[in-house]
């Protein structure tokens, strides 16, 4: 079963975790990375990759930090 968890969804920032129980993806990274970590209970090492739809800040704000964390984007 695929689970989608909204970490943030607004004009201030968007971020979602999508998982099938084995592979976990980050869809959008529009909130600070520390907030993404907090909302994922600091289990960001489980994120295989990030998919960013476009370059508006409410979708890509944390991309540099996501990349620094070793998450492919």
PDB file of N, CA and C in Angstrom:
ATOM      1  N   UNK A   1       0.831  -1.168   0.000  1.00  0.00           N
ATOM      2  CA  UNK A   1       0.000   0.000   0.000  1.00  0.00           C
ATOM      3  C   UNK A   1       0.886   1.245   0.000  1.00  0.00           C
ATOM      4  N   UNK A   2       0.534   2.222  -0.777  1.00  0.00           N
ATOM      5  CA  UNK A   2       1.271   3.483  -0.838  1.00  0.00           C
ATOM      6  C   UNK A   2       0.654   4.468   0.153  1.00  0.00           C
ATOM      7  N   UNK A   3       1.526   5.103   0.925  1.00  0.00           N
ATOM      8  CA  UNK A   3       1.096   6.081   1.913  1.00  0.00           C
ATOM      9  C   UNK A   3       1.684   7.435   1.557  1.00  0.00           C
ATOM     10  N   UNK A   4       0.841   8.463   1.567  1.00  0.00           N
ATOM     11  CA  UNK A   4       1.290   9.830   1.325  1.00  0.00           C
ATOM     12  C   UNK A   4       1.031  10.622   2.596  1.00  0.00           C
ATOM     13  N   UNK A   5       2.089  11.240   3.110  1.00  0.00           N
ATOM     14  CA  UNK A   5       1.986  12.045   4.321  1.00  0.00           C
ATOM     15  C   UNK A   5       2.319  13.486   3.972  1.00  0.00           C
ATOM     16  N   UNK A   6       1.392  14.383   4.231  1.00  0.00           N
ATOM     17  CA  UNK A   6       1.632  15.808   4.000  1.00  0.00           C
ATOM     18  C   UNK A   6       2.443  16.359   5.170  1.00  0.00           C
ATOM     19  N   UNK A   7       3.653  16.820   4.891  1.00  0.00           N
ATOM     20  CA  UNK A   7       4.473  17.467   5.904  1.00  0.00           C
ATOM     21  C   UNK A   7       4.163  18.954   5.946  1.00  0.00           C
ATOM     22  N   UNK A   8       3.813  19.522   4.789  1.00  0.00           N
ATOM     23  CA  UNK A   8       3.405  20.919   4.665  1.00  0.00           C
ATOM     24  C   UNK A   8       2.692  21.079   3.337  1.00  0.00           C
ATOM     25  N   UNK A   9       1.653  21.890   3.342  1.00  0.00           N
ATOM     26  CA  UNK A   9       0.903  22.111   2.109  1.00  0.00           C
ATOM     27  C   UNK A   9       0.248  23.488   2.155  1.00  0.00           C
ATOM     28  N   UNK A  10       0.978  24.478   1.664  1.00  0.00           N
ATOM     29  CA  UNK A  10       0.426  25.834   1.609  1.00  0.00           C
ATOM     30  C   UNK A  10       1.333  26.698   0.735  1.00  0.00           C
ATOM     31  N   UNK A  11       0.945  27.932   0.556  1.00  0.00           N
ATOM     32  CA  UNK A  11       1.785  28.842  -0.225  1.00  0.00           C
ATOM     33  C   UNK A  11       3.074  29.182   0.517  1.00  0.00           C
ATOM     34  N   UNK A  12       3.152  28.851   1.806  1.00  0.00           N
ATOM     35  CA  UNK A  12       4.381  29.068   2.583  1.00  0.00           C
ATOM     36  C   UNK A  12       5.362  27.922   2.409  1.00  0.00           C
ATOM     37  N   UNK A  13       4.897  26.772   1.897  1.00  0.00           N
ATOM     38  CA  UNK A  13       5.793  25.651   1.672  1.00  0.00           C
ATOM     39  C   UNK A  13       5.057  24.347   1.509  1.00  0.00           C
ATOM     40  N   UNK A  14       5.615  23.485   0.664  1.00  0.00           N
ATOM     41  CA  UNK A  14       5.032  22.186   0.372  1.00  0.00           C
ATOM     42  C   UNK A  14       6.079  21.098   0.569  1.00  0.00           C
ATOM     43  N   UNK A  15       5.665  19.984   1.162  1.00  0.00           N
ATOM     44  CA  UNK A  15       6.545  18.827   1.316  1.00  0.00           C
ATOM     45  C   UNK A  15       5.673  17.624   1.664  1.00  0.00           C
ATOM     46  N   UNK A  16       5.966  16.501   1.030  1.00  0.00           N
ATOM     47  CA  UNK A  16       5.195  15.281   1.241  1.00  0.00           C
ATOM     48  C   UNK A  16       6.150  14.095   1.286  1.00  0.00           C
ATOM     49  N   UNK A  17       5.826  13.105   2.083  1.00  0.00           N
ATOM     50  CA  UNK A  17       6.555  11.843   2.067  1.00  0.00           C
ATOM     51  C   UNK A  17       5.644  10.816   1.409  1.00  0.00           C
ATOM     52  N   UNK A  18       6.196  10.090   0.456  1.00  0.00           N
ATOM     53  CA  UNK A  18       5.462   9.027  -0.228  1.00  0.00           C
ATOM     54  C   UNK A  18       6.236   7.742  -0.011  1.00  0.00           C
ATOM     55  N   UNK A  19       5.568   6.708   0.475  1.00  0.00           N
ATOM     56  CA  UNK A  19       6.250   5.443   0.721  1.00  0.00           C
ATOM     57  C   UNK A  19       5.347   4.259   0.396  1.00  0.00           C
ATOM     58  N   UNK A  20       6.002   3.180  -0.011  1.00  0.00           N
ATOM     59  CA  UNK A  20       5.283   1.920  -0.211  1.00  0.00           C
ATOM     60  C   UNK A  20       5.638   0.948   0.906  1.00  0.00           C
ATOM     61  N   UNK A  21       6.280   1.455   1.943  1.00  0.00           N
ATOM     62  CA  UNK A  21       6.706   0.625   3.046  1.00  0.00           C
ATOM     63  C   UNK A  21       8.141   0.143   2.899  1.00  0.00           C
ATOM     64  N   UNK A  22       8.678   0.263   1.699  1.00  0.00           N
ATOM     65  CA  UNK A  22      10.064  -0.145   1.439  1.00  0.00           C
ATOM     66  C   UNK A  22      10.878   1.069   1.005  1.00  0.00           C
ATOM     67  N   UNK A  23      10.393   1.758  -0.016  1.00  0.00           N
ATOM     68  CA  UNK A  23      11.069   2.934  -0.548  1.00  0.00           C
ATOM     69  C   UNK A  23      10.306   4.181  -0.130  1.00  0.00           C
ATOM     70  N   UNK A  24      11.047   5.171   0.348  1.00  0.00           N
ATOM     71  CA  UNK A  24      10.439   6.421   0.791  1.00  0.00           C
ATOM     72  C   UNK A  24      10.988   7.565  -0.049  1.00  0.00           C
ATOM     73  N   UNK A  25      10.097   8.403  -0.567  1.00  0.00           N
ATOM     74  CA  UNK A  25      10.476   9.545  -1.393  1.00  0.00           C
ATOM     75  C   UNK A  25       9.984  10.835  -0.749  1.00  0.00           C
ATOM     76  N   UNK A  26      10.726  11.905  -0.969  1.00  0.00           N
ATOM     77  CA  UNK A  26      10.304  13.229  -0.565  1.00  0.00           C
ATOM     78  C   UNK A  26       9.812  13.939  -1.818  1.00  0.00           C
ATOM     79  N   UNK A  27       8.564  14.339  -1.820  1.00  0.00           N
ATOM     80  CA  UNK A  27       7.998  15.096  -2.943  1.00  0.00           C
ATOM     81  C   UNK A  27       7.897  16.546  -2.497  1.00  0.00           C
ATOM     82  N   UNK A  28       8.665  17.401  -3.143  1.00  0.00           N
ATOM     83  CA  UNK A  28       8.782  18.821  -2.824  1.00  0.00           C
ATOM     84  C   UNK A  28       9.611  18.999  -1.541  1.00  0.00           C
ATOM     85  N   UNK A  29      10.247  20.142  -1.429  1.00  0.00           N
ATOM     86  CA  UNK A  29      11.070  20.470  -0.263  1.00  0.00           C
ATOM     87  C   UNK A  29      10.973  21.969  -0.009  1.00  0.00           C
ATOM     88  N   UNK A  30       9.764  22.449   0.165  1.00  0.00           N
ATOM     89  CA  UNK A  30       9.510  23.878   0.252  1.00  0.00           C
ATOM     90  C   UNK A  30       9.498  24.452   1.649  1.00  0.00           C
ATOM     91  N   UNK A  31       9.900  23.669   2.621  1.00  0.00           N
ATOM     92  CA  UNK A  31      10.017  24.152   3.997  1.00  0.00           C
ATOM     93  C   UNK A  31      11.462  23.911   4.437  1.00  0.00           C
ATOM     94  N   UNK A  32      11.922  24.588   5.477  1.00  0.00           N
ATOM     95  CA  UNK A  32      13.303  24.367   5.920  1.00  0.00           C
ATOM     96  C   UNK A  32      13.582  22.887   6.217  1.00  0.00           C
ATOM     97  N   UNK A  33      14.802  22.451   5.902  1.00  0.00           N
ATOM     98  CA  UNK A  33      15.160  21.046   6.081  1.00  0.00           C
ATOM     99  C   UNK A  33      15.017  20.614   7.538  1.00  0.00           C
ATOM    100  N   UNK A  34      15.328  21.493   8.474  1.00  0.00           N
ATOM    101  CA  UNK A  34      15.161  21.142   9.888  1.00  0.00           C
ATOM    102  C   UNK A  34      13.698  20.821  10.202  1.00  0.00           C
ATOM    103  N   UNK A  35      12.793  21.516   9.536  1.00  0.00           N
ATOM    104  CA  UNK A  35      11.362  21.240   9.734  1.00  0.00           C
ATOM    105  C   UNK A  35      10.987  19.908   9.092  1.00  0.00           C
ATOM    106  N   UNK A  36      11.549  19.602   7.930  1.00  0.00           N
ATOM    107  CA  UNK A  36      11.315  18.302   7.298  1.00  0.00           C
ATOM    108  C   UNK A  36      11.807  17.203   8.227  1.00  0.00           C
ATOM    109  N   UNK A  37      13.009  17.369   8.770  1.00  0.00           N
ATOM    110  CA  UNK A  37      13.549  16.377   9.705  1.00  0.00           C
ATOM    111  C   UNK A  37      12.616  16.191  10.898  1.00  0.00           C
ATOM    112  N   UNK A  38      12.183  17.295  11.489  1.00  0.00           N
ATOM    113  CA  UNK A  38      11.312  17.222  12.667  1.00  0.00           C
ATOM    114  C   UNK A  38      10.017  16.488  12.347  1.00  0.00           C
ATOM    115  N   UNK A  39       9.413  16.813  11.210  1.00  0.00           N
ATOM    116  CA  UNK A  39       8.124  16.207  10.856  1.00  0.00           C
ATOM    117  C   UNK A  39       8.255  14.742  10.469  1.00  0.00           C
ATOM    118  N   UNK A  40       9.471  14.307  10.132  1.00  0.00           N
ATOM    119  CA  UNK A  40       9.730  12.891   9.838  1.00  0.00           C
ATOM    120  C   UNK A  40      10.363  12.177  11.036  1.00  0.00           C
ATOM    121  N   UNK A  41      10.251  12.780  12.214  1.00  0.00           N
ATOM    122  CA  UNK A  41      10.846  12.212  13.428  1.00  0.00           C
ATOM    123  C   UNK A  41      12.327  11.930  13.249  1.00  0.00           C
ATOM    124  N   UNK A  42      12.990  12.797  12.504  1.00  0.00           N
ATOM    125  CA  UNK A  42      14.443  12.734  12.263  1.00  0.00           C
ATOM    126  C   UNK A  42      14.883  11.455  11.548  1.00  0.00           C
ATOM    127  N   UNK A  43      13.992  10.837  10.798  1.00  0.00           N
ATOM    128  CA  UNK A  43      14.303   9.626  10.033  1.00  0.00           C
ATOM    129  C   UNK A  43      14.514   9.956   8.556  1.00  0.00           C
ATOM    130  N   UNK A  44      15.317  10.972   8.275  1.00  0.00           N
ATOM    131  CA  UNK A  44      15.546  11.364   6.888  1.00  0.00           C
ATOM    132  C   UNK A  44      16.496  10.411   6.165  1.00  0.00           C
ATOM    133  N   UNK A  45      17.220   9.573   6.891  1.00  0.00           N
ATOM    134  CA  UNK A  45      18.103   8.605   6.218  1.00  0.00           C
ATOM    135  C   UNK A  45      17.288   7.549   5.475  1.00  0.00           C
ATOM    136  N   UNK A  46      15.997   7.458   5.786  1.00  0.00           N
ATOM    137  CA  UNK A  46      15.112   6.521   5.083  1.00  0.00           C
ATOM    138  C   UNK A  46      14.667   7.051   3.729  1.00  0.00           C
ATOM    139  N   UNK A  47      14.889   8.338   3.455  1.00  0.00           N
ATOM    140  CA  UNK A  47      14.465   8.942   2.195  1.00  0.00           C
ATOM    141  C   UNK A  47      15.447   8.548   1.098  1.00  0.00           C
ATOM    142  N   UNK A  48      14.945   7.876   0.070  1.00  0.00           N
ATOM    143  CA  UNK A  48      15.782   7.425  -1.042  1.00  0.00           C
ATOM    144  C   UNK A  48      16.115   8.554  -2.001  1.00  0.00           C
ATOM    145  N   UNK A  49      15.133   9.401  -2.301  1.00  0.00           N
ATOM    146  CA  UNK A  49      15.329  10.481  -3.265  1.00  0.00           C
ATOM    147  C   UNK A  49      14.258  11.544  -3.051  1.00  0.00           C
ATOM    148  N   UNK A  50      14.492  12.700  -3.653  1.00  0.00           N
ATOM    149  CA  UNK A  50      13.525  13.795  -3.599  1.00  0.00           C
ATOM    150  C   UNK A  50      13.135  14.179  -5.018  1.00  0.00           C
ATOM    151  N   UNK A  51      11.880  14.465  -5.207  1.00  0.00           N
ATOM    152  CA  UNK A  51      11.368  14.926  -6.492  1.00  0.00           C
ATOM    153  C   UNK A  51      10.805  16.327  -6.282  1.00  0.00           C
ATOM    154  N   UNK A  52      11.363  17.278  -7.019  1.00  0.00           N
ATOM    155  CA  UNK A  52      10.939  18.671  -6.920  1.00  0.00           C
ATOM    156  C   UNK A  52      10.286  19.041  -8.244  1.00  0.00           C
ATOM    157  N   UNK A  53       9.032  19.486  -8.193  1.00  0.00           N
ATOM    158  CA  UNK A  53       8.273  19.721  -9.424  1.00  0.00           C
ATOM    159  C   UNK A  53       8.705  20.977 -10.171  1.00  0.00           C
ATOM    160  N   UNK A  54       9.059  22.036  -9.443  1.00  0.00           N
ATOM    161  CA  UNK A  54       9.498  23.265 -10.099  1.00  0.00           C
ATOM    162  C   UNK A  54      10.237  24.151  -9.097  1.00  0.00           C
ATOM    163  N   UNK A  55      10.823  25.221  -9.588  1.00  0.00           N
ATOM    164  CA  UNK A  55      11.766  25.987  -8.786  1.00  0.00           C
ATOM    165  C   UNK A  55      11.186  27.164  -7.998  1.00  0.00           C
ATOM    166  N   UNK A  56       9.913  27.165  -7.707  1.00  0.00           N
ATOM    167  CA  UNK A  56       9.372  28.181  -6.810  1.00  0.00           C
ATOM    168  C   UNK A  56       9.785  27.829  -5.385  1.00  0.00           C
ATOM    169  N   UNK A  57      10.094  28.837  -4.589  1.00  0.00           N
ATOM    170  CA  UNK A  57      10.608  28.608  -3.226  1.00  0.00           C
ATOM    171  C   UNK A  57       9.674  27.753  -2.370  1.00  0.00           C
ATOM    172  N   UNK A  58       8.361  27.843  -2.590  1.00  0.00           N
ATOM    173  CA  UNK A  58       7.461  27.037  -1.776  1.00  0.00           C
ATOM    174  C   UNK A  58       7.521  25.554  -2.149  1.00  0.00           C
ATOM    175  N   UNK A  59       8.354  25.210  -3.130  1.00  0.00           N
ATOM    176  CA  UNK A  59       8.553  23.813  -3.529  1.00  0.00           C
ATOM    177  C   UNK A  59      10.015  23.378  -3.412  1.00  0.00           C
ATOM    178  N   UNK A  60      10.949  24.336  -3.372  1.00  0.00           N
ATOM    179  CA  UNK A  60      12.367  23.936  -3.437  1.00  0.00           C
ATOM    180  C   UNK A  60      13.271  24.586  -2.395  1.00  0.00           C
ATOM    181  N   UNK A  61      12.725  25.245  -1.409  1.00  0.00           N
ATOM    182  CA  UNK A  61      13.523  25.976  -0.425  1.00  0.00           C
ATOM    183  C   UNK A  61      14.656  25.133   0.182  1.00  0.00           C
ATOM    184  N   UNK A  62      14.413  23.889   0.513  1.00  0.00           N
ATOM    185  CA  UNK A  62      15.382  23.060   1.235  1.00  0.00           C
ATOM    186  C   UNK A  62      16.278  22.217   0.334  1.00  0.00           C
ATOM    187  N   UNK A  63      16.208  22.388  -0.976  1.00  0.00           N
ATOM    188  CA  UNK A  63      16.990  21.538  -1.886  1.00  0.00           C
ATOM    189  C   UNK A  63      18.483  21.516  -1.553  1.00  0.00           C
ATOM    190  N   UNK A  64      19.135  22.661  -1.303  1.00  0.00           N
ATOM    191  CA  UNK A  64      20.568  22.576  -0.966  1.00  0.00           C
ATOM    192  C   UNK A  64      20.844  21.700   0.262  1.00  0.00           C
ATOM    193  N   UNK A  65      20.005  21.821   1.279  1.00  0.00           N
ATOM    194  CA  UNK A  65      20.200  21.014   2.494  1.00  0.00           C
ATOM    195  C   UNK A  65      19.837  19.555   2.272  1.00  0.00           C
ATOM    196  N   UNK A  66      18.845  19.303   1.429  1.00  0.00           N
ATOM    197  CA  UNK A  66      18.484  17.927   1.069  1.00  0.00           C
ATOM    198  C   UNK A  66      19.669  17.259   0.384  1.00  0.00           C
ATOM    199  N   UNK A  67      20.301  17.979  -0.517  1.00  0.00           N
ATOM    200  CA  UNK A  67      21.463  17.429  -1.230  1.00  0.00           C
ATOM    201  C   UNK A  67      22.642  17.208  -0.282  1.00  0.00           C
ATOM    202  N   UNK A  68      22.872  18.157   0.637  1.00  0.00           N
ATOM    203  CA  UNK A  68      23.934  18.011   1.631  1.00  0.00           C
ATOM    204  C   UNK A  68      23.712  16.785   2.507  1.00  0.00           C
ATOM    205  N   UNK A  69      22.449  16.442   2.730  1.00  0.00           N
ATOM    206  CA  UNK A  69      22.116  15.269   3.549  1.00  0.00           C
ATOM    207  C   UNK A  69      22.306  13.959   2.785  1.00  0.00           C
ATOM    208  N   UNK A  70      22.666  14.065   1.506  1.00  0.00           N
ATOM    209  CA  UNK A  70      22.914  12.872   0.708  1.00  0.00           C
ATOM    210  C   UNK A  70      21.674  12.278   0.061  1.00  0.00           C
ATOM    211  N   UNK A  71      20.594  13.059   0.026  1.00  0.00           N
ATOM    212  CA  UNK A  71      19.363  12.612  -0.618  1.00  0.00           C
ATOM    213  C   UNK A  71      19.424  13.054  -2.082  1.00  0.00           C
ATOM    214  N   UNK A  72      19.336  12.116  -2.998  1.00  0.00           N
ATOM    215  CA  UNK A  72      19.354  12.450  -4.423  1.00  0.00           C
ATOM    216  C   UNK A  72      18.141  13.281  -4.785  1.00  0.00           C
ATOM    217  N   UNK A  73      18.370  14.309  -5.606  1.00  0.00           N
ATOM    218  CA  UNK A  73      17.226  15.109  -6.049  1.00  0.00           C
ATOM    219  C   UNK A  73      17.340  15.390  -7.530  1.00  0.00           C
TER     220      UNK A  73
END
